[in-house]
PDB file of N, CA and C in Angstrom:
ATOM      1  N   MET A   1     -28.844 -10.367 -35.295  1.00  0.00           N
ATOM      2  CA  MET A   1     -28.001 -11.444 -34.700  1.00  0.00           C
ATOM      3  C   MET A   1     -26.527 -10.743 -34.667  1.00  0.00           C
ATOM      4  N   VAL A   2     -26.372  -9.443 -35.755  1.00  0.00           N
ATOM      5  CA  VAL A   2     -24.985  -8.682 -35.533  1.00  0.00           C
ATOM      6  C   VAL A   2     -25.491  -7.871 -34.107  1.00  0.00           C
ATOM      7  N   THR A   3     -26.055  -7.442 -33.543  1.00  0.00           N
ATOM      8  CA  THR A   3     -26.622  -6.860 -32.337  1.00  0.00           C
ATOM      9  C   THR A   3     -25.745  -7.654 -30.994  1.00  0.00           C
ATOM     10  N   PHE A   4     -26.270  -9.113 -30.523  1.00  0.00           N
ATOM     11  CA  PHE A   4     -25.990  -9.960 -29.826  1.00  0.00           C
ATOM     12  C   PHE A   4     -24.809 -10.179 -30.149  1.00  0.00           C
ATOM     13  N   LYS A   5     -24.177  -9.671 -31.526  1.00  0.00           N
ATOM     14  CA  LYS A   5     -22.594 -10.288 -31.393  1.00  0.00           C
ATOM     15  C   LYS A   5     -21.793  -9.096 -30.497  1.00  0.00           C
ATOM     16  N   PHE A   6     -22.372  -7.672 -30.754  1.00  0.00           N
ATOM     17  CA  PHE A   6     -22.045  -6.754 -30.194  1.00  0.00           C
ATOM     18  C   PHE A   6     -22.116  -6.529 -28.600  1.00  0.00           C
ATOM     19  N   TYR A   7     -23.286  -7.016 -28.618  1.00  0.00           N
ATOM     20  CA  TYR A   7     -23.422  -7.124 -27.186  1.00  0.00           C
ATOM     21  C   TYR A   7     -22.539  -8.339 -26.216  1.00  0.00           C
ATOM     22  N   ASN A   8     -22.239  -9.285 -27.386  1.00  0.00           N
ATOM     23  CA  ASN A   8     -21.881 -10.496 -25.785  1.00  0.00           C
ATOM     24  C   ASN A   8     -20.129  -9.927 -26.215  1.00  0.00           C
ATOM     25  N   TYR A   9     -19.137  -9.323 -27.556  1.00  0.00           N
ATOM     26  CA  TYR A   9     -18.278  -9.000 -27.504  1.00  0.00           C
ATOM     27  C   TYR A   9     -17.797  -7.515 -26.328  1.00  0.00           C
ATOM     28  N   THR A  10     -18.616  -6.678 -26.141  1.00  0.00           N
ATOM     29  CA  THR A  10     -18.579  -5.920 -25.360  1.00  0.00           C
ATOM     30  C   THR A  10     -18.714  -6.349 -23.630  1.00  0.00           C
ATOM     31  N   THR A  11     -19.658  -6.944 -23.546  1.00  0.00           N
ATOM     32  CA  THR A  11     -19.910  -7.453 -22.650  1.00  0.00           C
ATOM     33  C   THR A  11     -18.702  -8.235 -21.494  1.00  0.00           C
ATOM     34  N   SER A  12     -17.801  -9.072 -22.522  1.00  0.00           N
ATOM     35  CA  SER A  12     -16.796  -9.854 -22.543  1.00  0.00           C
ATOM     36  C   SER A  12     -15.783  -8.794 -21.895  1.00  0.00           C
ATOM     37  N   LEU A  13     -15.386  -7.374 -23.410  1.00  0.00           N
ATOM     38  CA  LEU A  13     -14.506  -6.860 -22.967  1.00  0.00           C
ATOM     39  C   LEU A  13     -14.415  -5.401 -21.474  1.00  0.00           C
ATOM     40  N   LEU A  14     -15.598  -5.532 -21.303  1.00  0.00           N
ATOM     41  CA  LEU A  14     -15.917  -5.157 -19.992  1.00  0.00           C
ATOM     42  C   LEU A  14     -15.824  -5.406 -18.396  1.00  0.00           C
ATOM     43  N   PHE A  15     -16.141  -7.394 -18.660  1.00  0.00           N
ATOM     44  CA  PHE A  15     -15.809  -8.048 -17.545  1.00  0.00           C
ATOM     45  C   PHE A  15     -13.793  -8.029 -17.668  1.00  0.00           C
ATOM     46  N   LEU A  16     -13.735  -8.347 -18.621  1.00  0.00           N
ATOM     47  CA  LEU A  16     -12.269  -8.691 -18.440  1.00  0.00           C
ATOM     48  C   LEU A  16     -11.739  -7.295 -17.767  1.00  0.00           C
ATOM     49  N   PHE A  17     -11.571  -5.650 -18.886  1.00  0.00           N
ATOM     50  CA  PHE A  17     -11.178  -5.017 -18.228  1.00  0.00           C
ATOM     51  C   PHE A  17     -11.225  -4.768 -16.206  1.00  0.00           C
ATOM     52  N   PHE A  18     -12.846  -4.985 -16.120  1.00  0.00           N
ATOM     53  CA  PHE A  18     -12.775  -5.431 -14.190  1.00  0.00           C
ATOM     54  C   PHE A  18     -12.335  -6.234 -14.099  1.00  0.00           C
ATOM     55  N   TYR A  19     -11.724  -7.379 -14.472  1.00  0.00           N
ATOM     56  CA  TYR A  19     -10.828  -8.648 -13.331  1.00  0.00           C
ATOM     57  C   TYR A  19      -9.858  -7.937 -13.257  1.00  0.00           C
ATOM     58  N   LEU A  20      -8.915  -7.124 -14.797  1.00  0.00           N
ATOM     59  CA  LEU A  20      -7.822  -7.495 -14.843  1.00  0.00           C
ATOM     60  C   LEU A  20      -7.771  -5.683 -13.955  1.00  0.00           C
ATOM     61  N   HIS A  21      -8.438  -4.971 -13.380  1.00  0.00           N
ATOM     62  CA  HIS A  21      -8.145  -3.940 -12.343  1.00  0.00           C
ATOM     63  C   HIS A  21      -8.209  -4.712 -11.301  1.00  0.00           C
ATOM     64  N   LEU A  22      -9.002  -5.294 -11.256  1.00  0.00           N
ATOM     65  CA  LEU A  22      -9.059  -6.095  -9.915  1.00  0.00           C
ATOM     66  C   LEU A  22      -7.580  -6.464  -9.040  1.00  0.00           C
ATOM     67  N   PHE A  23      -7.225  -7.242  -9.936  1.00  0.00           N
ATOM     68  CA  PHE A  23      -5.457  -7.851  -9.650  1.00  0.00           C
ATOM     69  C   PHE A  23      -4.898  -6.638  -9.740  1.00  0.00           C
ATOM     70  N   SER A  24      -4.857  -5.382 -10.739  1.00  0.00           N
ATOM     71  CA  SER A  24      -3.624  -4.579 -10.655  1.00  0.00           C
ATOM     72  C   SER A  24      -3.397  -3.666  -9.571  1.00  0.00           C
ATOM     73  N   SER A  25      -4.618  -3.871  -8.860  1.00  0.00           N
ATOM     74  CA  SER A  25      -5.281  -3.258  -7.294  1.00  0.00           C
ATOM     75  C   SER A  25      -4.363  -3.710  -6.425  1.00  0.00           C
ATOM     76  N   TYR A  26      -4.485  -5.230  -6.690  1.00  0.00           N
ATOM     77  CA  TYR A  26      -4.004  -5.962  -5.430  1.00  0.00           C
ATOM     78  C   TYR A  26      -2.553  -6.073  -5.575  1.00  0.00           C
ATOM     79  N   SER A  27      -1.895  -6.188  -6.925  1.00  0.00           N
ATOM     80  CA  SER A  27      -0.720  -6.242  -7.068  1.00  0.00           C
ATOM     81  C   SER A  27      -0.188  -5.340  -6.651  1.00  0.00           C
ATOM     82  N   GLN A  28      -0.289  -3.559  -6.410  1.00  0.00           N
ATOM     83  CA  GLN A  28      -0.075  -2.391  -6.107  1.00  0.00           C
ATOM     84  C   GLN A  28       0.028  -2.438  -4.648  1.00  0.00           C
ATOM     85  N   THR A  29      -1.146  -3.218  -3.845  1.00  0.00           N
ATOM     86  CA  THR A  29      -0.990  -2.879  -1.958  1.00  0.00           C
ATOM     87  C   THR A  29      -0.115  -4.015  -1.980  1.00  0.00           C
ATOM     88  N   LEU A  30       0.112  -4.783  -2.986  1.00  0.00           N
ATOM     89  CA  LEU A  30       1.258  -6.089  -2.027  1.00  0.00           C
ATOM     90  C   LEU A  30       2.529  -5.238  -2.176  1.00  0.00           C
ATOM     91  N   GLU A  31       3.273  -4.626  -3.296  1.00  0.00           N
ATOM     92  CA  GLU A  31       4.181  -3.782  -3.596  1.00  0.00           C
ATOM     93  C   GLU A  31       4.249  -2.821  -2.503  1.00  0.00           C
ATOM     94  N   ILE A  32       3.190  -2.077  -1.451  1.00  0.00           N
ATOM     95  CA  ILE A  32       3.191  -1.037  -1.248  1.00  0.00           C
ATOM     96  C   ILE A  32       3.729  -1.573  -0.078  1.00  0.00           C
ATOM     97  N   ARG A  33       3.030  -2.836   0.469  1.00  0.00           N
ATOM     98  CA  ARG A  33       3.206  -3.770   1.794  1.00  0.00           C
ATOM     99  C   ARG A  33       4.332  -4.046   1.879  1.00  0.00           C
ATOM    100  N   THR A  34       5.337  -4.547   1.491  1.00  0.00           N
ATOM    101  CA  THR A  34       6.356  -4.714   0.855  1.00  0.00           C
ATOM    102  C   THR A  34       7.452  -3.440   1.159  1.00  0.00           C
ATOM    103  N   LEU A  35       7.300  -2.515   0.447  1.00  0.00           N
ATOM    104  CA  LEU A  35       8.207  -1.285   0.673  1.00  0.00           C
ATOM    105  C   LEU A  35       8.022  -0.625   1.593  1.00  0.00           C
ATOM    106  N   GLN A  36       6.587  -0.722   2.286  1.00  0.00           N
ATOM    107  CA  GLN A  36       6.722  -0.405   4.237  1.00  0.00           C
ATOM    108  C   GLN A  36       7.282  -1.189   4.296  1.00  0.00           C
ATOM    109  N   LYS A  37       7.657  -2.533   4.901  1.00  0.00           N
ATOM    110  CA  LYS A  37       8.069  -3.422   5.498  1.00  0.00           C
ATOM    111  C   LYS A  37       9.499  -3.017   5.183  1.00  0.00           C
ATOM    112  N   LYS A  38      10.333  -2.528   4.180  1.00  0.00           N
ATOM    113  CA  LYS A  38      11.460  -2.450   4.301  1.00  0.00           C
ATOM    114  C   LYS A  38      11.941  -1.257   4.664  1.00  0.00           C
ATOM    115  N   LEU A  39      11.140  -0.046   5.059  1.00  0.00           N
ATOM    116  CA  LEU A  39      11.242   1.028   5.297  1.00  0.00           C
ATOM    117  C   LEU A  39      11.633   0.725   6.797  1.00  0.00           C
ATOM    118  N   ILE A  40      11.234  -0.755   7.735  1.00  0.00           N
ATOM    119  CA  ILE A  40      11.957  -0.384   9.062  1.00  0.00           C
ATOM    120  C   ILE A  40      13.412  -0.782   8.890  1.00  0.00           C
ATOM    121  N   ASN A  41      13.399  -1.961   7.866  1.00  0.00           N
ATOM    122  CA  ASN A  41      14.650  -1.901   8.368  1.00  0.00           C
ATOM    123  C   ASN A  41      15.980  -0.955   7.321  1.00  0.00           C
ATOM    124  N   SER A  42      15.266  -0.189   6.599  1.00  0.00           N
ATOM    125  CA  SER A  42      16.347   1.001   5.945  1.00  0.00           C
ATOM    126  C   SER A  42      17.966   1.265   6.683  1.00  0.00           C
ATOM    127  N   PRO A  43      18.504   0.937   5.845  1.00  0.00           N
ATOM    128  CA  PRO A  43      19.957   1.237   6.766  1.00  0.00           C
ATOM    129  C   PRO A  43      20.222   2.388   7.306  1.00  0.00           C
ATOM    130  N   ASP A  44      20.090   3.281   6.289  1.00  0.00           N
ATOM    131  CA  ASP A  44      20.251   4.845   6.323  1.00  0.00           C
ATOM    132  C   ASP A  44      18.963   5.692   5.558  1.00  0.00           C
ATOM    133  N   SER A  45      19.450   7.209   5.846  1.00  0.00           N
ATOM    134  CA  SER A  45      17.853   8.085   5.469  1.00  0.00           C
ATOM    135  C   SER A  45      17.636   7.816   3.862  1.00  0.00           C
ATOM    136  N   ILE A  46      19.339   7.948   3.492  1.00  0.00           N
ATOM    137  CA  ILE A  46      19.075   7.936   1.581  1.00  0.00           C
ATOM    138  C   ILE A  46      17.882   6.699   1.577  1.00  0.00           C
ATOM    139  N   THR A  47      18.528   5.284   2.204  1.00  0.00           N
ATOM    140  CA  THR A  47      17.450   4.325   1.814  1.00  0.00           C
ATOM    141  C   THR A  47      16.007   4.410   2.146  1.00  0.00           C
ATOM    142  N   TYR A  48      15.882   4.859   3.269  1.00  0.00           N
ATOM    143  CA  TYR A  48      14.932   5.666   3.740  1.00  0.00           C
ATOM    144  C   TYR A  48      14.054   6.465   2.641  1.00  0.00           C
ATOM    145  N   ILE A  49      14.592   7.182   1.990  1.00  0.00           N
ATOM    146  CA  ILE A  49      14.121   8.736   1.077  1.00  0.00           C
ATOM    147  C   ILE A  49      13.576   7.948   0.031  1.00  0.00           C
ATOM    148  N   ASP A  50      14.396   6.673  -0.763  1.00  0.00           N
ATOM    149  CA  ASP A  50      14.301   6.304  -1.629  1.00  0.00           C
ATOM    150  C   ASP A  50      13.040   5.334  -1.339  1.00  0.00           C
ATOM    151  N   HIS A  51      12.841   4.512  -0.567  1.00  0.00           N
ATOM    152  CA  HIS A  51      11.672   4.273  -0.074  1.00  0.00           C
ATOM    153  C   HIS A  51      10.363   4.774   0.132  1.00  0.00           C
ATOM    154  N   LEU A  52      10.205   5.692   0.599  1.00  0.00           N
ATOM    155  CA  LEU A  52       9.243   6.802   0.597  1.00  0.00           C
ATOM    156  C   LEU A  52       8.799   7.303  -0.820  1.00  0.00           C
ATOM    157  N   ASN A  53       9.903   7.556  -1.624  1.00  0.00           N
ATOM    158  CA  ASN A  53       9.345   8.179  -2.827  1.00  0.00           C
ATOM    159  C   ASN A  53       8.733   7.067  -3.624  1.00  0.00           C
ATOM    160  N   ASN A  54       9.496   5.474  -3.436  1.00  0.00           N
ATOM    161  CA  ASN A  54       8.748   4.614  -4.593  1.00  0.00           C
ATOM    162  C   ASN A  54       7.553   4.287  -3.794  1.00  0.00           C
ATOM    163  N   ILE A  55       7.008   4.396  -2.778  1.00  0.00           N
ATOM    164  CA  ILE A  55       5.860   3.968  -2.645  1.00  0.00           C
ATOM    165  C   ILE A  55       5.101   5.663  -2.977  1.00  0.00           C
ATOM    166  N   GLY A  56       5.107   6.748  -2.718  1.00  0.00           N
ATOM    167  CA  GLY A  56       4.872   7.679  -2.774  1.00  0.00           C
ATOM    168  C   GLY A  56       4.136   7.355  -4.498  1.00  0.00           C
ATOM    169  N   PHE A  57       5.272   7.016  -5.583  1.00  0.00           N
ATOM    170  CA  PHE A  57       4.456   6.804  -6.986  1.00  0.00           C
ATOM    171  C   PHE A  57       3.745   6.088  -7.004  1.00  0.00           C
ATOM    172  N   ILE A  58       3.867   4.684  -6.373  1.00  0.00           N
ATOM    173  CA  ILE A  58       3.444   3.615  -6.474  1.00  0.00           C
ATOM    174  C   ILE A  58       1.520   4.239  -6.197  1.00  0.00           C
ATOM    175  N   MET A  59       1.933   4.873  -4.758  1.00  0.00           N
ATOM    176  CA  MET A  59       0.498   5.438  -4.664  1.00  0.00           C
ATOM    177  C   MET A  59      -0.254   6.327  -5.452  1.00  0.00           C
ATOM    178  N   HIS A  60       0.064   6.894  -6.551  1.00  0.00           N
ATOM    179  CA  HIS A  60      -0.340   7.524  -7.519  1.00  0.00           C
ATOM    180  C   HIS A  60      -1.693   6.927  -8.238  1.00  0.00           C
ATOM    181  N   MET A  61      -1.567   5.940  -8.366  1.00  0.00           N
ATOM    182  CA  MET A  61      -2.227   5.189  -9.193  1.00  0.00           C
ATOM    183  C   MET A  61      -3.613   4.625  -8.342  1.00  0.00           C
ATOM    184  N   LYS A  62      -3.203   4.960  -7.135  1.00  0.00           N
ATOM    185  CA  LYS A  62      -4.338   4.204  -6.273  1.00  0.00           C
ATOM    186  C   LYS A  62      -5.383   6.061  -5.429  1.00  0.00           C
ATOM    187  N   SER A  63      -4.698   6.513  -5.101  1.00  0.00           N
ATOM    188  CA  SER A  63      -4.741   8.134  -4.573  1.00  0.00           C
ATOM    189  C   SER A  63      -3.972   8.992  -4.843  1.00  0.00           C
ATOM    190  N   ALA A  64      -4.160  10.269  -5.643  1.00  0.00           N
ATOM    191  CA  ALA A  64      -2.983  10.940  -5.887  1.00  0.00           C
ATOM    192  C   ALA A  64      -2.932  12.336  -4.938  1.00  0.00           C
ATOM    193  N   ASP A  65      -4.067  11.893  -3.854  1.00  0.00           N
ATOM    194  CA  ASP A  65      -3.573  13.205  -1.999  1.00  0.00           C
ATOM    195  C   ASP A  65      -2.967  12.056  -1.923  1.00  0.00           C
ATOM    196  N   SER A  66      -2.473  10.719  -1.540  1.00  0.00           N
ATOM    197  CA  SER A  66      -1.555  10.667  -0.685  1.00  0.00           C
ATOM    198  C   SER A  66      -0.125  10.459  -1.943  1.00  0.00           C
ATOM    199  N   CYS A  67       0.133  10.455  -2.412  1.00  0.00           N
ATOM    200  CA  CYS A  67       0.973  10.623  -4.041  1.00  0.00           C
ATOM    201  C   CYS A  67       1.783  12.433  -3.103  1.00  0.00           C
ATOM    202  N   LEU A  68       0.499  13.061  -3.433  1.00  0.00           N
ATOM    203  CA  LEU A  68       0.960  14.213  -3.435  1.00  0.00           C
ATOM    204  C   LEU A  68       1.737  14.714  -1.571  1.00  0.00           C
ATOM    205  N   ILE A  69       0.894  13.764  -0.388  1.00  0.00           N
ATOM    206  CA  ILE A  69       1.267  14.261   1.103  1.00  0.00           C
ATOM    207  C   ILE A  69       2.931  13.506   0.881  1.00  0.00           C
ATOM    208  N   TYR A  70       3.396  12.319   0.465  1.00  0.00           N
ATOM    209  CA  TYR A  70       4.470  11.679   0.193  1.00  0.00           C
ATOM    210  C   TYR A  70       5.222  12.685  -0.506  1.00  0.00           C
ATOM    211  N   GLY A  71       5.174  12.846  -1.199  1.00  0.00           N
ATOM    212  CA  GLY A  71       5.899  14.062  -2.026  1.00  0.00           C
ATOM    213  C   GLY A  71       6.496  15.520  -1.509  1.00  0.00           C
ATOM    214  N   ILE A  72       5.382  15.712  -0.544  1.00  0.00           N
ATOM    215  CA  ILE A  72       5.964  16.954  -0.220  1.00  0.00           C
ATOM    216  C   ILE A  72       6.527  16.584   1.420  1.00  0.00           C
ATOM    217  N   LYS A  73       6.691  15.337   2.056  1.00  0.00           N
ATOM    218  CA  LYS A  73       6.857  14.773   3.194  1.00  0.00           C
ATOM    219  C   LYS A  73       8.637  14.502   2.332  1.00  0.00           C
ATOM    220  N   VAL A  74       8.688  13.785   1.431  1.00  0.00           N
ATOM    221  CA  VAL A  74       9.970  13.118   1.199  1.00  0.00           C
ATOM    222  C   VAL A  74      10.589  14.692   0.929  1.00  0.00           C
ATOM    223  N   LYS A  75      10.252  15.524  -0.026  1.00  0.00           N
ATOM    224  CA  LYS A  75      10.979  16.719  -0.888  1.00  0.00           C
ATOM    225  C   LYS A  75      11.487  17.503   0.545  1.00  0.00           C
ATOM    226  N   ALA A  76      10.779  17.956   1.571  1.00  0.00           N
ATOM    227  CA  ALA A  76      11.204  17.961   2.829  1.00  0.00           C
ATOM    228  C   ALA A  76      12.579  17.166   3.474  1.00  0.00           C
ATOM    229  N   MET A  77      12.052  16.000   3.503  1.00  0.00           N
ATOM    230  CA  MET A  77      13.872  15.393   4.050  1.00  0.00           C
ATOM    231  C   MET A  77      14.982  15.241   3.600  1.00  0.00           C
ATOM    232  N   ALA A  78      14.113  15.414   1.877  1.00  0.00           N
ATOM    233  CA  ALA A  78      15.802  15.535   1.114  1.00  0.00           C
ATOM    234  C   ALA A  78      16.230  16.678   1.308  1.00  0.00           C
ATOM    235  N   ASP A  79      15.185  17.697   1.666  1.00  0.00           N
ATOM    236  CA  ASP A  79      15.859  18.811   1.829  1.00  0.00           C
ATOM    237  C   ASP A  79      17.201  18.855   2.839  1.00  0.00           C
ATOM    238  N   ARG A  80      17.178  18.559   4.029  1.00  0.00           N
ATOM    239  CA  ARG A  80      17.516  18.098   5.021  1.00  0.00           C
ATOM    240  C   ARG A  80      18.562  17.141   4.786  1.00  0.00           C
ATOM    241  N   HIS A  81      18.852  16.607   4.165  1.00  0.00           N
ATOM    242  CA  HIS A  81      19.588  15.650   4.389  1.00  0.00           C
ATOM    243  C   HIS A  81      20.555  15.814   2.997  1.00  0.00           C
ATOM    244  N   ASN A  82      20.092  16.739   2.051  1.00  0.00           N
ATOM    245  CA  ASN A  82      20.620  17.662   1.445  1.00  0.00           C
ATOM    246  C   ASN A  82      20.874  16.565   0.026  1.00  0.00           C
ATOM    247  N   TYR A  83      20.213  15.662  -0.480  1.00  0.00           N
ATOM    248  CA  TYR A  83      20.266  14.832  -1.098  1.00  0.00           C
ATOM    249  C   TYR A  83      19.237  15.128  -2.610  1.00  0.00           C
ATOM    250  N   PRO A  84      20.151  15.491  -3.805  1.00  0.00           N
ATOM    251  CA  PRO A  84      19.508  15.966  -4.797  1.00  0.00           C
ATOM    252  C   PRO A  84      18.662  14.963  -5.708  1.00  0.00           C
ATOM    253  N   LYS A  85      18.733  13.845  -5.559  1.00  0.00           N
ATOM    254  CA  LYS A  85      18.248  12.664  -6.278  1.00  0.00           C
ATOM    255  C   LYS A  85      16.379  12.497  -5.469  1.00  0.00           C
ATOM    256  N   GLY A  86      16.915  12.186  -4.356  1.00  0.00           N
ATOM    257  CA  GLY A  86      15.681  12.143  -3.629  1.00  0.00           C
ATOM    258  C   GLY A  86      14.499  13.211  -3.530  1.00  0.00           C
ATOM    259  N   LYS A  87      14.846  14.366  -3.817  1.00  0.00           N
ATOM    260  CA  LYS A  87      14.560  15.953  -3.567  1.00  0.00           C
ATOM    261  C   LYS A  87      13.602  16.186  -5.857  1.00  0.00           C
ATOM    262  N   ALA A  88      14.337  15.418  -6.197  1.00  0.00           N
ATOM    263  CA  ALA A  88      13.646  15.577  -7.968  1.00  0.00           C
ATOM    264  C   ALA A  88      13.170  14.373  -7.928  1.00  0.00           C
ATOM    265  N   ASP A  89      13.339  13.076  -7.345  1.00  0.00           N
ATOM    266  CA  ASP A  89      12.115  12.296  -7.031  1.00  0.00           C
ATOM    267  C   ASP A  89      10.911  12.957  -6.273  1.00  0.00           C
ATOM    268  N   ALA A  90      11.085  13.353  -5.558  1.00  0.00           N
ATOM    269  CA  ALA A  90       9.882  14.403  -4.633  1.00  0.00           C
ATOM    270  C   ALA A  90       8.942  15.048  -5.501  1.00  0.00           C
ATOM    271  N   ILE A  91      10.111  15.715  -5.778  1.00  0.00           N
ATOM    272  CA  ILE A  91       9.109  16.827  -6.922  1.00  0.00           C
ATOM    273  C   ILE A  91       8.338  16.054  -8.198  1.00  0.00           C
ATOM    274  N   CYS A  92       8.700  14.910  -8.385  1.00  0.00           N
ATOM    275  CA  CYS A  92       8.338  14.069  -9.946  1.00  0.00           C
ATOM    276  C   CYS A  92       6.968  13.276  -9.159  1.00  0.00           C
ATOM    277  N   ASN A  93       6.897  13.307  -8.141  1.00  0.00           N
ATOM    278  CA  ASN A  93       5.585  12.200  -7.721  1.00  0.00           C
ATOM    279  C   ASN A  93       4.622  13.801  -7.111  1.00  0.00           C
ATOM    280  N   ILE A  94       5.352  14.951  -6.857  1.00  0.00           N
ATOM    281  CA  ILE A  94       4.000  15.752  -6.690  1.00  0.00           C
ATOM    282  C   ILE A  94       3.363  16.340  -8.081  1.00  0.00           C
ATOM    283  N   ALA A  95       4.566  16.577  -9.088  1.00  0.00           N
ATOM    284  CA  ALA A  95       3.915  16.728 -10.496  1.00  0.00           C
ATOM    285  C   ALA A  95       2.967  15.359 -10.652  1.00  0.00           C
ATOM    286  N   THR A  96       3.481  14.146 -10.645  1.00  0.00           N
ATOM    287  CA  THR A  96       2.404  13.515 -10.944  1.00  0.00           C
ATOM    288  C   THR A  96       0.758  13.361 -10.298  1.00  0.00           C
ATOM    289  N   ALA A  97       1.147  13.811  -9.056  1.00  0.00           N
ATOM    290  CA  ALA A  97      -0.513  13.918  -8.518  1.00  0.00           C
ATOM    291  C   ALA A  97      -1.118  14.473  -9.188  1.00  0.00           C
ATOM    292  N   PHE A  98      -0.119  15.920  -9.464  1.00  0.00           N
ATOM    293  CA  PHE A  98      -1.374  16.904 -10.248  1.00  0.00           C
ATOM    294  C   PHE A  98      -1.357  17.084 -11.562  1.00  0.00           C
ATOM    295  N   PHE A  99      -0.674  16.459 -11.771  1.00  0.00           N
ATOM    296  CA  PHE A  99      -1.235  15.779 -13.475  1.00  0.00           C
ATOM    297  C   PHE A  99      -2.557  14.105 -13.613  1.00  0.00           C
TER     298      PHE A  99
END
């Protein structure tokens, strides 16, 4: 009887984690799409860099490779625009991808 309760509890817990993981991935995709739409209407390069950094940070939960690519590209953009905060955020994204 004890084994049955443990099995039932474990199965329920695994199902709950799987169910929550589906929705967390969906919300990240929605947030990424929202930020990508904001990229089109970015008033200046600084805002564009900030949006790309945000997308890169969110991407680290789905794909570390994409986070790394965003970080490298945004770091180059921030260097060209002499934007230290954008450069720092991009370096954090690169480090997050390797972590």
